[in-house]
N, C-alpha and C. Protein backbone atom coordinates (compact mmCIF):
# COMPACT_ATOMS: atom_id res chain seq x y z
N UNK A 1 -4.45 -27.37 -76.06
CA UNK A 1 -3.31 -26.61 -75.34
C UNK A 1 -3.71 -25.54 -74.68
N UNK A 2 -5.05 -24.52 -74.54
CA UNK A 2 -5.25 -24.12 -74.07
C UNK A 2 -5.51 -24.42 -72.58
N UNK A 3 -6.24 -25.86 -72.56
CA UNK A 3 -6.63 -26.61 -71.03
C UNK A 3 -5.58 -26.92 -70.28
N UNK A 4 -4.09 -27.11 -70.75
CA UNK A 4 -2.81 -27.50 -70.29
C UNK A 4 -2.25 -26.17 -69.72
N UNK A 5 -2.61 -25.24 -70.48
CA UNK A 5 -2.21 -23.75 -70.18
C UNK A 5 -3.00 -23.19 -68.71
N UNK A 6 -4.16 -23.39 -69.09
CA UNK A 6 -4.98 -22.85 -67.73
C UNK A 6 -4.85 -23.81 -66.69
N UNK A 7 -4.78 -24.98 -66.88
CA UNK A 7 -4.32 -25.99 -65.68
C UNK A 7 -3.34 -25.76 -64.66
N UNK A 8 -1.91 -25.44 -65.83
CA UNK A 8 -0.69 -24.83 -65.15
C UNK A 8 -0.64 -23.76 -64.33
N UNK A 9 -1.68 -22.61 -65.04
CA UNK A 9 -1.75 -21.27 -64.51
C UNK A 9 -2.81 -21.61 -63.48
N UNK A 10 -3.54 -22.09 -63.09
CA UNK A 10 -4.31 -22.69 -61.81
C UNK A 10 -3.04 -23.27 -61.11
N UNK A 11 -2.83 -24.33 -61.04
CA UNK A 11 -1.53 -24.94 -60.09
C UNK A 11 -0.59 -23.74 -59.76
N UNK A 12 -0.10 -23.05 -60.71
CA UNK A 12 1.02 -21.83 -60.15
C UNK A 12 0.13 -20.92 -59.15
N UNK A 13 -1.14 -20.41 -59.66
CA UNK A 13 -1.71 -19.58 -58.74
C UNK A 13 -2.42 -20.07 -57.69
N UNK A 14 -2.51 -21.54 -57.17
CA UNK A 14 -2.21 -21.98 -56.23
C UNK A 14 -1.61 -22.23 -55.17
N UNK A 15 0.27 -22.17 -55.91
CA UNK A 15 0.77 -22.39 -55.06
C UNK A 15 1.29 -20.91 -54.47
N UNK A 16 1.31 -20.30 -55.29
CA UNK A 16 1.37 -18.90 -54.73
C UNK A 16 0.45 -18.79 -53.73
N UNK A 17 -0.87 -18.77 -53.67
CA UNK A 17 -1.36 -18.65 -52.30
C UNK A 17 -0.90 -19.26 -51.28
N UNK A 18 -0.71 -20.51 -51.39
CA UNK A 18 -0.24 -21.23 -50.45
C UNK A 18 1.31 -20.73 -49.98
N UNK A 19 2.10 -20.26 -50.97
CA UNK A 19 3.23 -19.54 -50.29
C UNK A 19 2.65 -18.31 -49.71
N UNK A 20 1.82 -17.70 -50.08
CA UNK A 20 1.35 -16.38 -49.35
C UNK A 20 1.21 -16.32 -47.68
N UNK A 21 0.26 -17.81 -47.60
CA UNK A 21 -0.30 -18.03 -46.71
C UNK A 21 1.09 -17.95 -45.38
N UNK A 22 1.90 -19.11 -46.04
CA UNK A 22 2.97 -19.45 -45.24
C UNK A 22 3.61 -18.44 -45.14
N UNK A 23 4.20 -17.45 -45.84
CA UNK A 23 4.69 -16.47 -45.53
C UNK A 23 4.10 -15.17 -44.81
N UNK A 24 2.70 -15.21 -44.23
CA UNK A 24 1.67 -14.84 -43.19
C UNK A 24 2.18 -15.24 -42.28
N UNK A 25 2.35 -16.53 -41.84
CA UNK A 25 2.18 -17.42 -41.04
C UNK A 25 3.41 -17.25 -40.16
N UNK A 26 4.34 -16.89 -41.32
CA UNK A 26 6.21 -16.73 -40.47
C UNK A 26 6.32 -15.70 -40.09
N UNK A 27 5.30 -14.52 -40.60
CA UNK A 27 5.26 -12.70 -40.24
C UNK A 27 4.77 -13.07 -38.81
N UNK A 28 3.62 -13.71 -38.86
CA UNK A 28 2.85 -13.57 -37.43
C UNK A 28 3.67 -14.56 -36.62
N UNK A 29 4.16 -15.25 -36.89
CA UNK A 29 5.05 -15.85 -35.73
C UNK A 29 6.47 -14.93 -35.31
N UNK A 30 6.84 -14.47 -36.26
CA UNK A 30 8.21 -13.25 -35.98
C UNK A 30 7.64 -12.15 -34.88
N UNK A 31 6.39 -11.75 -35.52
CA UNK A 31 6.15 -10.79 -34.55
C UNK A 31 5.62 -11.11 -33.41
N UNK A 32 5.23 -12.23 -32.99
CA UNK A 32 4.63 -13.18 -31.68
C UNK A 32 5.78 -13.28 -31.35
N UNK A 33 6.95 -13.31 -31.67
CA UNK A 33 8.10 -14.11 -30.99
C UNK A 33 8.74 -12.76 -30.35
N UNK A 34 9.06 -11.32 -31.51
CA UNK A 34 9.25 -10.33 -30.83
C UNK A 34 8.54 -9.52 -30.32
N UNK A 35 7.53 -9.45 -29.76
CA UNK A 35 6.46 -9.27 -29.18
C UNK A 35 6.73 -10.12 -27.65
N UNK A 36 6.73 -11.35 -27.58
CA UNK A 36 6.71 -11.93 -26.60
C UNK A 36 8.40 -11.68 -25.76
N UNK A 37 9.36 -11.51 -26.68
CA UNK A 37 10.57 -11.03 -26.14
C UNK A 37 11.03 -9.59 -25.81
N UNK A 38 10.31 -8.87 -26.29
CA UNK A 38 10.01 -7.52 -25.27
C UNK A 38 9.29 -7.57 -24.51
N UNK A 39 8.37 -8.56 -24.06
CA UNK A 39 7.40 -8.20 -22.97
C UNK A 39 8.44 -8.86 -21.63
N UNK A 40 9.08 -10.01 -21.92
CA UNK A 40 9.78 -10.84 -21.32
C UNK A 40 11.29 -9.57 -20.80
N UNK A 41 11.49 -8.78 -21.46
CA UNK A 41 12.13 -7.91 -21.01
C UNK A 41 12.02 -7.08 -19.99
N UNK A 42 10.49 -6.48 -20.33
CA UNK A 42 10.04 -5.68 -19.35
C UNK A 42 9.44 -6.52 -18.18
N UNK A 43 9.78 -7.73 -18.32
CA UNK A 43 8.89 -8.40 -17.14
C UNK A 43 10.30 -8.78 -16.15
N UNK A 44 11.42 -8.60 -16.73
CA UNK A 44 12.82 -8.98 -16.35
C UNK A 44 13.10 -7.65 -15.27
N UNK A 45 12.83 -6.42 -16.14
CA UNK A 45 12.98 -5.34 -15.63
C UNK A 45 12.16 -5.04 -14.12
N UNK A 46 10.79 -5.29 -14.40
CA UNK A 46 9.70 -5.35 -12.78
C UNK A 46 10.45 -6.20 -12.06
N UNK A 47 10.88 -7.04 -12.26
CA UNK A 47 11.40 -8.03 -11.31
C UNK A 47 13.07 -7.24 -10.59
N UNK A 48 13.64 -6.78 -11.40
CA UNK A 48 14.71 -5.95 -10.56
C UNK A 48 14.06 -4.83 -9.80
N UNK A 49 13.34 -4.38 -10.46
CA UNK A 49 12.80 -2.83 -9.60
C UNK A 49 12.52 -3.50 -8.35
N UNK A 50 11.53 -4.47 -8.33
CA UNK A 50 11.01 -5.07 -7.21
C UNK A 50 12.06 -5.56 -6.35
N UNK A 51 12.70 -6.00 -6.46
CA UNK A 51 14.12 -6.69 -5.87
C UNK A 51 14.72 -5.20 -5.30
N UNK A 52 14.77 -4.31 -6.43
CA UNK A 52 15.76 -2.99 -5.62
C UNK A 52 14.70 -2.55 -4.60
N UNK A 53 13.57 -2.21 -4.56
CA UNK A 53 12.50 -1.76 -3.72
C UNK A 53 12.35 -2.70 -2.54
N UNK A 54 12.58 -3.74 -2.51
CA UNK A 54 12.43 -4.54 -1.50
C UNK A 54 13.72 -4.11 -0.27
N UNK A 55 14.91 -4.62 -0.94
CA UNK A 55 16.16 -4.29 -0.19
C UNK A 55 16.32 -2.93 0.18
N UNK A 56 15.92 -1.86 -0.67
CA UNK A 56 16.24 -0.32 -0.12
C UNK A 56 15.00 -0.42 0.78
N UNK A 57 14.03 -0.50 0.82
CA UNK A 57 13.21 -0.64 1.85
C UNK A 57 13.40 -1.53 2.83
N UNK A 58 14.19 -2.36 3.16
CA UNK A 58 14.42 -3.30 4.05
C UNK A 58 15.95 -2.45 5.06
N UNK A 59 16.78 -1.87 4.40
CA UNK A 59 17.56 -1.39 4.95
C UNK A 59 17.40 0.28 5.45
N UNK A 60 16.37 0.68 4.94
CA UNK A 60 15.66 2.02 5.44
C UNK A 60 15.28 1.72 6.49
N UNK A 61 14.78 0.60 6.60
CA UNK A 61 13.81 0.41 7.97
C UNK A 61 14.71 0.32 9.39
N UNK A 62 15.85 0.04 9.11
CA UNK A 62 17.07 -0.38 10.03
C UNK A 62 17.35 1.03 10.44
N UNK A 63 17.42 1.80 9.74
CA UNK A 63 17.35 3.99 9.84
C UNK A 63 16.16 4.54 10.06
N UNK A 64 15.40 4.43 9.48
CA UNK A 64 14.23 5.02 9.58
C UNK A 64 12.92 4.38 9.58
N UNK A 65 11.84 5.59 9.19
CA UNK A 65 10.29 4.26 8.49
C UNK A 65 10.85 4.07 7.38
N UNK A 66 10.10 2.69 6.71
CA UNK A 66 9.98 2.65 5.73
C UNK A 66 9.30 3.25 4.52
N UNK A 67 9.77 2.84 3.05
CA UNK A 67 9.39 3.90 2.21
C UNK A 67 7.49 3.64 1.95
N UNK A 68 6.74 4.56 2.13
CA UNK A 68 5.35 4.52 1.66
C UNK A 68 5.00 3.89 0.64
N UNK A 69 4.25 3.02 0.46
CA UNK A 69 3.48 2.40 -0.75
C UNK A 69 4.49 1.26 -1.27
N UNK A 70 5.24 0.76 -0.97
CA UNK A 70 6.51 -0.07 -1.21
C UNK A 70 5.38 -1.66 -1.64
N UNK A 71 4.36 -1.99 -0.75
CA UNK A 71 3.78 -3.25 -0.56
C UNK A 71 2.78 -2.85 -2.09
N UNK A 72 2.64 -1.56 -1.86
CA UNK A 72 1.50 -1.70 -3.72
C UNK A 72 1.94 -1.49 -4.69
N UNK A 73 3.20 -1.04 -4.57
CA UNK A 73 4.35 -0.76 -6.15
C UNK A 73 4.43 -2.50 -6.32
N UNK A 74 5.42 -3.05 -5.23
CA UNK A 74 5.74 -4.66 -5.40
C UNK A 74 4.50 -5.50 -6.22
N UNK A 75 3.52 -5.21 -5.75
CA UNK A 75 2.29 -6.11 -5.98
C UNK A 75 1.82 -5.73 -7.60
N UNK A 76 1.97 -3.82 -8.00
CA UNK A 76 1.72 -3.98 -9.40
C UNK A 76 2.79 -4.34 -10.18
N UNK A 77 4.10 -4.04 -10.20
CA UNK A 77 5.04 -5.31 -10.47
C UNK A 77 5.15 -6.44 -10.66
N UNK A 78 4.45 -7.15 -9.61
CA UNK A 78 4.53 -8.49 -9.57
C UNK A 78 3.53 -9.35 -10.87
N UNK A 79 2.27 -8.50 -10.81
CA UNK A 79 1.03 -8.53 -11.56
C UNK A 79 1.80 -8.25 -13.27
N UNK A 80 2.56 -7.42 -13.33
CA UNK A 80 2.95 -6.89 -14.61
C UNK A 80 4.01 -8.16 -14.79
N UNK A 81 5.07 -8.72 -13.73
CA UNK A 81 5.91 -9.43 -14.76
C UNK A 81 5.65 -10.96 -14.81
N UNK A 82 4.62 -11.18 -13.97
CA UNK A 82 3.89 -12.57 -13.76
C UNK A 82 3.22 -12.52 -15.78
N UNK A 83 2.27 -11.93 -15.87
CA UNK A 83 1.77 -11.75 -17.13
C UNK A 83 2.29 -11.32 -18.40
N UNK A 84 3.18 -10.60 -17.99
CA UNK A 84 4.51 -10.33 -19.39
C UNK A 84 5.51 -11.24 -19.67
N UNK A 85 5.62 -12.28 -18.56
CA UNK A 85 6.83 -13.28 -18.93
C UNK A 85 5.74 -14.40 -19.30
N UNK A 86 4.15 -14.56 -19.42
CA UNK A 86 3.64 -15.61 -20.34
C UNK A 86 3.81 -16.29 -21.24
N UNK A 87 4.07 -15.07 -22.17
CA UNK A 87 4.04 -15.52 -23.68
C UNK A 87 5.32 -16.03 -23.94
N UNK A 88 6.39 -15.62 -23.43
CA UNK A 88 8.24 -16.18 -23.67
C UNK A 88 8.26 -17.45 -23.22
N UNK A 89 7.23 -17.40 -21.97
CA UNK A 89 7.51 -19.03 -21.28
C UNK A 89 7.44 -20.00 -21.99
N UNK A 90 5.88 -19.59 -22.90
CA UNK A 90 5.28 -20.85 -23.52
C UNK A 90 6.07 -21.20 -24.77
N UNK A 91 6.82 -19.82 -25.24
CA UNK A 91 7.10 -20.20 -26.44
C UNK A 91 8.53 -21.30 -25.96
N UNK A 92 9.10 -20.89 -25.09
CA UNK A 92 10.15 -21.76 -24.92
C UNK A 92 10.26 -22.84 -24.24
N UNK A 93 8.83 -23.38 -23.91
CA UNK A 93 8.19 -24.33 -22.83
C UNK A 93 8.75 -24.37 -21.55
N UNK A 94 8.31 -23.24 -21.09
CA UNK A 94 9.00 -23.24 -19.89
C UNK A 94 8.25 -23.60 -18.65
N UNK A 95 6.59 -23.94 -18.85
CA UNK A 95 5.71 -24.17 -17.93
C UNK A 95 5.85 -25.45 -17.52
N UNK A 96 5.10 -26.32 -16.64
CA UNK A 96 5.22 -27.35 -15.93
C UNK A 96 4.72 -28.10 -17.16
N UNK A 97 4.85 -28.84 -17.40
CA UNK A 97 4.18 -30.29 -18.37
C UNK A 97 4.56 -31.26 -18.01
N UNK A 98 3.70 -32.00 -17.48
CA UNK A 98 3.32 -33.59 -16.84
C UNK A 98 2.88 -34.24 -17.73
N UNK A 99 3.74 -35.17 -18.46
CA UNK A 99 3.25 -35.55 -19.80
C UNK A 99 3.49 -37.09 -19.73
N UNK A 100 3.62 -37.72 -18.16
CA UNK A 100 3.99 -39.11 -17.70
C UNK A 100 2.85 -40.05 -18.50
N UNK A 101 1.87 -40.06 -18.55
CA UNK A 101 0.51 -40.77 -19.24
C UNK A 101 0.85 -40.48 -20.58
N UNK A 102 0.29 -38.75 -20.92
CA UNK A 102 0.58 -38.70 -22.69
C UNK A 102 1.53 -39.26 -23.47
N UNK A 103 2.84 -38.99 -22.65
CA UNK A 103 3.86 -39.65 -23.33
C UNK A 103 3.61 -41.16 -23.68
N UNK A 104 2.76 -42.17 -23.76
CA UNK A 104 2.77 -43.27 -23.67
C UNK A 104 1.60 -43.60 -24.74
N UNK A 105 0.88 -42.52 -25.26
CA UNK A 105 -0.14 -42.30 -26.23
C UNK A 105 0.56 -42.54 -27.40
N UNK A 106 -0.36 -42.83 -28.53
CA UNK A 106 0.22 -42.81 -29.90
C UNK A 106 0.70 -41.45 -30.05
N UNK A 107 1.04 -41.14 -31.10
CA UNK A 107 1.93 -40.07 -31.74
C UNK A 107 0.42 -39.39 -32.07
N UNK A 108 -0.19 -39.77 -32.90
CA UNK A 108 -1.90 -39.23 -33.20
C UNK A 108 -2.62 -38.78 -32.11
N UNK A 109 -2.73 -39.37 -31.42
CA UNK A 109 -3.33 -39.00 -29.92
C UNK A 109 -2.91 -37.89 -29.17
N UNK A 110 -1.74 -37.60 -29.38
CA UNK A 110 -0.79 -36.83 -28.45
C UNK A 110 -1.09 -35.72 -29.49
N UNK A 111 -1.27 -35.64 -30.72
CA UNK A 111 -1.34 -34.32 -31.70
C UNK A 111 -2.74 -33.76 -30.87
N UNK A 112 -3.57 -34.51 -31.04
CA UNK A 112 -4.94 -34.16 -30.84
C UNK A 112 -5.10 -33.68 -29.42
N UNK A 113 -4.49 -34.12 -28.17
CA UNK A 113 -4.39 -33.72 -27.33
C UNK A 113 -4.24 -32.35 -27.06
N UNK A 114 -2.90 -31.99 -27.66
CA UNK A 114 -2.30 -30.75 -27.68
C UNK A 114 -2.85 -29.75 -28.46
N UNK A 115 -3.64 -30.27 -29.54
CA UNK A 115 -4.56 -29.34 -30.32
C UNK A 115 -5.63 -28.68 -29.45
N UNK A 116 -6.57 -29.70 -28.36
CA UNK A 116 -7.00 -29.63 -27.64
C UNK A 116 -6.57 -28.44 -26.45
N UNK A 117 -5.73 -29.16 -25.99
CA UNK A 117 -5.46 -28.09 -24.91
C UNK A 117 -4.89 -26.62 -25.71
N UNK A 118 -4.05 -26.68 -26.24
CA UNK A 118 -4.34 -25.27 -27.02
C UNK A 118 -5.05 -24.45 -27.16
N UNK A 119 -6.19 -25.39 -28.22
CA UNK A 119 -7.79 -24.33 -28.18
C UNK A 119 -8.20 -23.86 -26.92
N UNK A 120 -8.35 -24.88 -25.68
CA UNK A 120 -8.85 -24.64 -24.39
C UNK A 120 -8.27 -23.53 -23.96
N UNK A 121 -6.86 -23.42 -23.55
CA UNK A 121 -6.16 -22.23 -23.60
C UNK A 121 -6.17 -21.08 -24.18
N UNK A 122 -5.87 -21.30 -25.64
CA UNK A 122 -6.58 -19.89 -25.66
C UNK A 122 -7.80 -19.19 -25.50
N UNK A 123 -9.03 -19.97 -25.22
CA UNK A 123 -9.95 -19.62 -25.01
C UNK A 123 -9.76 -18.75 -23.67
N UNK A 124 -9.53 -20.01 -22.88
CA UNK A 124 -9.61 -18.99 -21.74
C UNK A 124 -8.70 -18.33 -21.32
N UNK A 125 -7.22 -17.79 -21.80
CA UNK A 125 -6.70 -17.09 -21.54
C UNK A 125 -7.16 -15.91 -22.47
N UNK A 126 -7.93 -15.81 -23.50
CA UNK A 126 -8.14 -14.81 -24.28
C UNK A 126 -9.80 -13.94 -23.68
N UNK A 127 -10.27 -15.08 -22.60
CA UNK A 127 -11.16 -14.40 -21.93
C UNK A 127 -10.81 -13.47 -20.58
N UNK A 128 -9.89 -14.42 -20.08
CA UNK A 128 -8.69 -13.25 -18.89
C UNK A 128 -8.43 -12.02 -19.46
N UNK A 129 -7.53 -12.13 -20.46
CA UNK A 129 -7.78 -10.80 -20.98
C UNK A 129 -8.60 -9.66 -21.26
N UNK A 130 -9.80 -10.35 -21.86
CA UNK A 130 -10.76 -9.40 -21.80
C UNK A 130 -11.14 -9.00 -20.81
N UNK A 131 -11.67 -9.74 -19.93
CA UNK A 131 -12.07 -9.24 -18.84
C UNK A 131 -11.48 -8.39 -17.65
N UNK A 132 -9.74 -8.77 -18.07
CA UNK A 132 -9.24 -7.62 -17.29
C UNK A 132 -9.34 -6.52 -17.85
N UNK A 133 -9.34 -6.21 -19.31
CA UNK A 133 -9.52 -5.14 -19.74
C UNK A 133 -10.78 -4.37 -19.45
N UNK A 134 -12.05 -5.39 -19.31
CA UNK A 134 -13.10 -4.83 -18.94
C UNK A 134 -13.32 -4.17 -17.33
N UNK A 135 -12.67 -4.64 -16.42
CA UNK A 135 -12.25 -4.60 -14.92
C UNK A 135 -11.71 -3.02 -15.04
N UNK A 136 -10.51 -3.07 -15.88
CA UNK A 136 -9.61 -1.85 -15.84
C UNK A 136 -10.32 -0.61 -16.05
N UNK A 137 -11.58 -0.97 -17.33
CA UNK A 137 -12.29 0.27 -17.68
C UNK A 137 -13.41 0.64 -16.46
N UNK A 138 -13.90 -0.45 -15.63
CA UNK A 138 -15.09 -0.32 -14.66
C UNK A 138 -14.31 0.49 -13.57
N UNK A 139 -12.83 0.23 -13.13
CA UNK A 139 -12.08 0.71 -12.28
C UNK A 139 -12.02 2.48 -12.51
N UNK A 140 -11.51 2.75 -14.03
CA UNK A 140 -11.55 3.56 -14.20
C UNK A 140 -12.85 4.75 -14.02
N UNK A 141 -14.06 4.04 -14.70
CA UNK A 141 -15.16 4.62 -14.46
C UNK A 141 -15.44 5.19 -13.08
N UNK A 142 -15.12 4.09 -12.14
CA UNK A 142 -15.50 4.63 -10.86
C UNK A 142 -14.46 5.42 -10.14
N UNK A 143 -13.24 5.73 -10.96
CA UNK A 143 -12.14 6.74 -10.06
C UNK A 143 -11.41 5.82 -8.84
N UNK A 144 -11.29 4.67 -8.96
CA UNK A 144 -10.70 3.69 -8.00
C UNK A 144 -9.28 4.50 -7.81
N UNK A 145 -8.66 4.46 -6.51
CA UNK A 145 -7.07 4.39 -6.29
C UNK A 145 -6.75 3.63 -5.20
N UNK A 146 -5.51 3.56 -4.98
CA UNK A 146 -5.12 2.74 -4.25
C UNK A 146 -5.12 3.31 -2.99
N UNK A 147 -5.02 2.60 -1.78
CA UNK A 147 -5.32 2.90 -0.70
C UNK A 147 -4.15 3.85 0.03
N UNK A 148 -3.20 3.40 -0.16
CA UNK A 148 -1.70 3.96 0.24
C UNK A 148 -1.20 5.21 -0.33
N UNK A 149 -0.75 5.27 -1.42
CA UNK A 149 -0.49 6.22 -2.11
C UNK A 149 -1.54 6.94 -3.44
N UNK A 150 -2.62 6.70 -3.20
CA UNK A 150 -3.97 7.46 -4.11
C UNK A 150 -3.77 7.37 -5.63
N UNK A 151 -2.94 6.24 -5.55
CA UNK A 151 -2.48 6.18 -7.21
C UNK A 151 -3.65 5.46 -8.22
N UNK A 152 -3.77 6.17 -9.01
CA UNK A 152 -4.88 5.54 -10.24
C UNK A 152 -4.54 4.32 -10.58
N UNK A 153 -4.92 2.82 -10.68
CA UNK A 153 -4.04 1.90 -10.84
C UNK A 153 -4.86 1.10 -11.99
N UNK A 154 -6.03 1.47 -12.90
CA UNK A 154 -6.21 0.27 -13.74
C UNK A 154 -5.34 0.45 -15.12
N UNK A 155 -4.50 1.56 -14.87
CA UNK A 155 -3.40 1.57 -16.07
C UNK A 155 -2.61 0.07 -15.58
N UNK A 156 -2.35 -0.43 -14.61
CA UNK A 156 -1.56 -1.40 -14.27
C UNK A 156 -2.36 -3.14 -14.81
N UNK A 157 -3.70 -2.81 -14.52
CA UNK A 157 -4.67 -3.57 -15.10
C UNK A 157 -4.44 -4.05 -16.40
N UNK A 158 -4.83 -2.71 -17.01
CA UNK A 158 -4.36 -2.87 -18.53
C UNK A 158 -3.26 -3.59 -19.27
N UNK A 159 -1.67 -3.41 -18.53
CA UNK A 159 -0.86 -3.58 -18.86
C UNK A 159 -0.99 -5.45 -18.61
N UNK A 160 -1.51 -5.65 -17.47
CA UNK A 160 -1.55 -7.27 -17.15
C UNK A 160 -2.32 -7.66 -18.28
N UNK A 161 -3.12 -7.02 -18.76
CA UNK A 161 -4.29 -7.96 -19.60
C UNK A 161 -3.79 -7.41 -20.92
N UNK A 162 -2.58 -6.99 -21.11
CA UNK A 162 -1.77 -7.22 -22.36
C UNK A 162 -0.97 -8.16 -22.54
N UNK A 163 -0.26 -8.53 -21.12
CA UNK A 163 0.30 -9.50 -20.99
C UNK A 163 -0.59 -10.96 -21.14
N UNK A 164 -1.76 -11.02 -20.91
CA UNK A 164 -2.28 -12.03 -20.91
C UNK A 164 -3.30 -12.15 -22.71
N UNK A 165 -2.79 -11.39 -23.10
CA UNK A 165 -3.71 -11.04 -25.14
C UNK A 165 -1.99 -11.44 -25.84
N UNK A 166 -0.98 -11.16 -24.99
CA UNK A 166 0.22 -11.65 -25.89
C UNK A 166 0.35 -13.35 -25.46
N UNK A 167 -0.03 -13.55 -24.48
CA UNK A 167 -0.14 -15.17 -24.26
C UNK A 167 -1.06 -15.52 -25.46
N UNK A 168 -2.18 -15.27 -25.48
CA UNK A 168 -3.18 -15.97 -26.09
C UNK A 168 -2.64 -15.90 -27.40
N UNK A 169 -1.86 -14.87 -28.07
CA UNK A 169 -1.10 -14.91 -29.30
C UNK A 169 -0.42 -16.10 -29.57
N UNK A 170 0.34 -16.13 -28.57
CA UNK A 170 1.31 -17.43 -28.54
C UNK A 170 0.33 -18.69 -28.55
N UNK A 171 -0.10 -18.55 -27.93
CA UNK A 171 -1.06 -19.78 -28.11
C UNK A 171 -1.85 -20.16 -29.19
N UNK A 172 -2.27 -19.07 -29.84
CA UNK A 172 -2.79 -19.33 -31.47
C UNK A 172 -1.45 -19.84 -32.33
N UNK A 173 -0.49 -18.94 -32.49
CA UNK A 173 0.74 -19.68 -32.62
C UNK A 173 1.27 -21.06 -32.93
N UNK A 174 1.01 -21.37 -31.71
CA UNK A 174 1.18 -22.99 -31.25
C UNK A 174 -0.06 -23.72 -31.94
N UNK A 175 -1.30 -22.80 -32.06
CA UNK A 175 -2.30 -23.85 -32.38
C UNK A 175 -2.33 -24.06 -33.86
N UNK A 176 -1.83 -23.09 -34.34
CA UNK A 176 -1.24 -22.71 -35.83
C UNK A 176 -0.33 -23.87 -36.11
N UNK A 177 0.30 -23.96 -35.66
CA UNK A 177 1.51 -24.39 -35.75
C UNK A 177 1.44 -26.45 -35.60
N UNK A 178 0.56 -26.54 -34.85
CA UNK A 178 -0.08 -27.79 -34.54
C UNK A 178 -0.94 -28.19 -35.66
N UNK A 179 -1.59 -27.17 -36.22
CA UNK A 179 -2.35 -27.81 -37.19
C UNK A 179 -1.54 -27.93 -39.22
N UNK A 180 -0.51 -27.03 -38.80
CA UNK A 180 0.65 -27.39 -39.73
C UNK A 180 1.40 -28.57 -39.56
N UNK A 181 1.63 -29.20 -38.21
CA UNK A 181 2.19 -30.45 -38.16
C UNK A 181 3.72 -30.17 -38.10
N UNK A 182 4.36 -29.17 -37.96
CA UNK A 182 5.58 -28.86 -37.32
C UNK A 182 5.59 -27.89 -36.33
N UNK A 183 7.03 -27.95 -36.20
CA UNK A 183 7.55 -27.06 -34.94
C UNK A 183 7.77 -25.39 -35.63
N UNK A 184 7.47 -24.58 -34.86
CA UNK A 184 7.60 -22.92 -35.06
C UNK A 184 8.82 -22.53 -34.79
N UNK A 185 8.67 -21.09 -35.24
CA UNK A 185 10.00 -20.34 -34.54
C UNK A 185 9.77 -20.38 -32.94
N UNK A 186 10.68 -20.74 -32.44
CA UNK A 186 11.08 -19.99 -30.99
C UNK A 186 10.98 -21.21 -30.16
N UNK A 187 10.20 -22.30 -30.87
CA UNK A 187 9.69 -23.66 -30.01
C UNK A 187 10.90 -24.82 -30.02
N UNK A 188 11.08 -25.11 -28.68
CA UNK A 188 12.30 -26.21 -28.43
C UNK A 188 11.42 -27.69 -28.83
């Protein structure tokens, strides 16, 4: 009788551990989705500010001298806009995906290829984020400033790195989802 009770107790504890891991994964997926959405809003806002700067600068040129440093500011905003939009775009599968050949492969091989691509992408973009942070600290140490405005611009490099790090988190979420065998929150 005690063996049956012990076996039942072990099975219950195993199922509780599985539920805890599943809950942890769901929390990670929700966190990744929320951070990506927040970064997407910032990305869109950066695009609006770029548009306004360019339009105002164009109008101002017809009456007087252009606004000083618009090119630098637009460049920084473009870097933030692109890097901050990567995670959200990945969640909604908005990247270009040419699967003409892969779609003809068996489902099992397609899954293996998705896992390999997600793993390699995770590694690559993690390295990109890490190297951008190292570059930003190098810029900070050397006291580099922009040419026209004389602004310290390593914070913009750090922000771009954060965009790539969030993208890497989304890729990690995708990789976990592939191993679990199902679609996760936010994916189509």
